[in-house]
């Protein structure tokens, strides 16, 4: 394979790597952002406690909600398994482009010993 073909395959591998990295960060980051938004909304909802005490009380409520959610059977394992499958799918996609660079057996002449 010539250098231009190798460069194109490497560029596609890099683009796929960037895409799946973004997808994994988006997947796990969305859960973090949901948690932060719940905490912010609880702080606004409990604002009658005052500006100082409201975030502390809402943090306690938020930790209680997170504890309850974490106790649901199989939820955390499912959440992690989906992310790991996304990582594996990205790795296999990059590997398939890497297989294009491997020399094909059809193009090499067969030698008889």
C-alpha atoms as a PDB file:
ATOM      1  CA  UNK A   1       0.000   0.000   0.000  1.00  0.00           C
ATOM      2  CA  UNK A   2       1.374   3.386  -0.898  1.00  0.00           C
ATOM      3  CA  UNK A   3       1.976   6.205   1.573  1.00  0.00           C
ATOM      4  CA  UNK A   4      -1.156   8.099   0.559  1.00  0.00           C
ATOM      5  CA  UNK A   5      -3.355   5.082   1.304  1.00  0.00           C
ATOM      6  CA  UNK A   6      -1.642   4.561   4.664  1.00  0.00           C
ATOM      7  CA  UNK A   7      -2.169   8.227   5.509  1.00  0.00           C
ATOM      8  CA  UNK A   8      -5.862   8.056   4.628  1.00  0.00           C
ATOM      9  CA  UNK A   9      -6.396   4.933   6.740  1.00  0.00           C
ATOM     10  CA  UNK A  10      -4.540   6.512   9.684  1.00  0.00           C
ATOM     11  CA  UNK A  11      -6.629   9.688   9.325  1.00  0.00           C
ATOM     12  CA  UNK A  12      -9.840   7.630   9.449  1.00  0.00           C
ATOM     13  CA  UNK A  13      -8.529   5.766  12.490  1.00  0.00           C
ATOM     14  CA  UNK A  14      -7.828   9.078  14.211  1.00  0.00           C
ATOM     15  CA  UNK A  15     -11.296  10.426  13.361  1.00  0.00           C
ATOM     16  CA  UNK A  16     -12.944   7.276  14.712  1.00  0.00           C
ATOM     17  CA  UNK A  17     -10.838   7.510  17.865  1.00  0.00           C
ATOM     18  CA  UNK A  18     -11.899  11.121  18.382  1.00  0.00           C
ATOM     19  CA  UNK A  19     -15.565  10.248  17.740  1.00  0.00           C
ATOM     20  CA  UNK A  20     -15.672   7.360  20.208  1.00  0.00           C
ATOM     21  CA  UNK A  21     -13.699   9.312  22.814  1.00  0.00           C
ATOM     22  CA  UNK A  22     -16.290  12.068  22.532  1.00  0.00           C
ATOM     23  CA  UNK A  23     -19.116   9.507  22.743  1.00  0.00           C
ATOM     24  CA  UNK A  24     -17.722   7.923  25.925  1.00  0.00           C
ATOM     25  CA  UNK A  25     -17.167  11.322  27.555  1.00  0.00           C
ATOM     26  CA  UNK A  26     -20.678  12.351  26.544  1.00  0.00           C
ATOM     27  CA  UNK A  27     -22.164   9.130  27.946  1.00  0.00           C
ATOM     28  CA  UNK A  28     -20.503   9.325  31.350  1.00  0.00           C
ATOM     29  CA  UNK A  29     -20.530  13.121  31.491  1.00  0.00           C
ATOM     30  CA  UNK A  30     -24.267  13.295  30.941  1.00  0.00           C
ATOM     31  CA  UNK A  31     -24.850  11.392  34.177  1.00  0.00           C
ATOM     32  CA  UNK A  32     -22.594  13.827  36.003  1.00  0.00           C
ATOM     33  CA  UNK A  33     -24.442  16.781  34.499  1.00  0.00           C
ATOM     34  CA  UNK A  34     -27.814  15.267  35.437  1.00  0.00           C
ATOM     35  CA  UNK A  35     -26.606  14.916  39.012  1.00  0.00           C
ATOM     36  CA  UNK A  36     -25.342  18.490  39.117  1.00  0.00           C
ATOM     37  CA  UNK A  37     -28.606  19.795  37.693  1.00  0.00           C
ATOM     38  CA  UNK A  38     -30.627  17.865  40.286  1.00  0.00           C
ATOM     39  CA  UNK A  39     -28.449  19.346  43.028  1.00  0.00           C
ATOM     40  CA  UNK A  40     -28.878  22.850  41.597  1.00  0.00           C
ATOM     41  CA  UNK A  41     -32.657  22.458  41.374  1.00  0.00           C
ATOM     42  CA  UNK A  42     -32.819  21.084  44.908  1.00  0.00           C
ATOM     43  CA  UNK A  43     -30.827  24.104  46.079  1.00  0.00           C
ATOM     44  CA  UNK A  44     -33.304  26.433  44.411  1.00  0.00           C
ATOM     45  CA  UNK A  45     -36.256  24.460  45.759  1.00  0.00           C
ATOM     46  CA  UNK A  46     -34.918  24.504  49.317  1.00  0.00           C
ATOM     47  CA  UNK A  47     -33.914  28.171  49.173  1.00  0.00           C
ATOM     48  CA  UNK A  48     -36.179  28.978  52.119  1.00  0.00           C
ATOM     49  CA  UNK A  49     -33.369  27.627  54.367  1.00  0.00           C
ATOM     50  CA  UNK A  50     -31.167  30.537  53.343  1.00  0.00           C
ATOM     51  CA  UNK A  51     -28.235  31.083  51.016  1.00  0.00           C
ATOM     52  CA  UNK A  52     -25.730  29.238  53.171  1.00  0.00           C
ATOM     53  CA  UNK A  53     -27.780  26.354  54.505  1.00  0.00           C
ATOM     54  CA  UNK A  54     -29.695  25.584  51.294  1.00  0.00           C
ATOM     55  CA  UNK A  55     -26.772  23.957  49.380  1.00  0.00           C
ATOM     56  CA  UNK A  56     -25.786  21.920  52.430  1.00  0.00           C
ATOM     57  CA  UNK A  57     -29.316  20.566  52.962  1.00  0.00           C
ATOM     58  CA  UNK A  58     -29.782  19.905  49.256  1.00  0.00           C
ATOM     59  CA  UNK A  59     -26.428  18.070  49.145  1.00  0.00           C
ATOM     60  CA  UNK A  60     -27.671  15.785  51.911  1.00  0.00           C
ATOM     61  CA  UNK A  61     -30.912  15.156  50.032  1.00  0.00           C
ATOM     62  CA  UNK A  62     -28.961  14.569  46.802  1.00  0.00           C
ATOM     63  CA  UNK A  63     -26.632  12.072  48.493  1.00  0.00           C
ATOM     64  CA  UNK A  64     -29.698  10.264  49.836  1.00  0.00           C
ATOM     65  CA  UNK A  65     -31.211  10.099  46.352  1.00  0.00           C
ATOM     66  CA  UNK A  66     -27.911   8.822  44.898  1.00  0.00           C
ATOM     67  CA  UNK A  67     -27.663   6.202  47.639  1.00  0.00           C
ATOM     68  CA  UNK A  68     -31.194   5.008  46.922  1.00  0.00           C
ATOM     69  CA  UNK A  69     -30.478   4.811  43.183  1.00  0.00           C
ATOM     70  CA  UNK A  70     -27.209   2.948  43.755  1.00  0.00           C
ATOM     71  CA  UNK A  71     -29.047   0.326  45.808  1.00  0.00           C
ATOM     72  CA  UNK A  72     -31.295  -0.616  42.863  1.00  0.00           C
ATOM     73  CA  UNK A  73     -30.226  -4.094  41.732  1.00  0.00           C
ATOM     74  CA  UNK A  74     -28.164  -4.147  38.557  1.00  0.00           C
ATOM     75  CA  UNK A  75     -28.468  -0.460  37.700  1.00  0.00           C
ATOM     76  CA  UNK A  76     -24.837   0.510  38.250  1.00  0.00           C
ATOM     77  CA  UNK A  77     -23.563  -2.678  36.594  1.00  0.00           C
ATOM     78  CA  UNK A  78     -25.775  -2.047  33.567  1.00  0.00           C
ATOM     79  CA  UNK A  79     -24.649   1.560  33.359  1.00  0.00           C
ATOM     80  CA  UNK A  80     -20.990   0.541  33.424  1.00  0.00           C
ATOM     81  CA  UNK A  81     -21.523  -2.345  30.991  1.00  0.00           C
ATOM     82  CA  UNK A  82     -23.035  -0.023  28.383  1.00  0.00           C
ATOM     83  CA  UNK A  83     -20.028   2.285  28.604  1.00  0.00           C
ATOM     84  CA  UNK A  84     -17.591  -0.609  28.368  1.00  0.00           C
ATOM     85  CA  UNK A  85     -19.422  -1.980  25.315  1.00  0.00           C
ATOM     86  CA  UNK A  86     -19.132   1.451  23.713  1.00  0.00           C
ATOM     87  CA  UNK A  87     -15.380   1.404  24.338  1.00  0.00           C
ATOM     88  CA  UNK A  88     -15.063  -2.123  22.917  1.00  0.00           C
ATOM     89  CA  UNK A  89     -17.059  -1.164  19.829  1.00  0.00           C
ATOM     90  CA  UNK A  90     -14.766   1.812  19.248  1.00  0.00           C
ATOM     91  CA  UNK A  91     -11.675  -0.365  19.637  1.00  0.00           C
ATOM     92  CA  UNK A  92     -12.994  -2.960  17.193  1.00  0.00           C
ATOM     93  CA  UNK A  93     -13.827  -0.226  14.668  1.00  0.00           C
ATOM     94  CA  UNK A  94     -10.303   1.161  14.863  1.00  0.00           C
ATOM     95  CA  UNK A  95      -8.867  -2.366  14.597  1.00  0.00           C
ATOM     96  CA  UNK A  96     -10.852  -3.039  11.426  1.00  0.00           C
ATOM     97  CA  UNK A  97      -9.245  -0.022   9.787  1.00  0.00           C
ATOM     98  CA  UNK A  98      -5.865  -1.289  11.010  1.00  0.00           C
ATOM     99  CA  UNK A  99      -6.532  -4.595   9.251  1.00  0.00           C
ATOM    100  CA  UNK A 100      -6.629  -2.703   5.955  1.00  0.00           C
ATOM    101  CA  UNK A 101      -2.949  -1.921   6.405  1.00  0.00           C
ATOM    102  CA  UNK A 102      -1.955  -5.559   6.854  1.00  0.00           C
ATOM    103  CA  UNK A 103      -0.613  -7.107   3.682  1.00  0.00           C
ATOM    104  CA  UNK A 104      -3.143  -9.278   1.951  1.00  0.00           C
ATOM    105  CA  UNK A 105      -2.289 -12.910   1.223  1.00  0.00           C
ATOM    106  CA  UNK A 106      -3.833 -12.619  -2.234  1.00  0.00           C
ATOM    107  CA  UNK A 107      -1.359  -9.977  -3.383  1.00  0.00           C
ATOM    108  CA  UNK A 108       1.783 -11.789  -2.235  1.00  0.00           C
ATOM    109  CA  UNK A 109       3.062 -14.428  -4.602  1.00  0.00           C
ATOM    110  CA  UNK A 110       3.042 -17.965  -3.295  1.00  0.00           C
ATOM    111  CA  UNK A 111       6.434 -19.605  -3.046  1.00  0.00           C
ATOM    112  CA  UNK A 112       6.946 -23.301  -3.368  1.00  0.00           C
ATOM    113  CA  UNK A 113       9.752 -24.649  -1.174  1.00  0.00           C
END
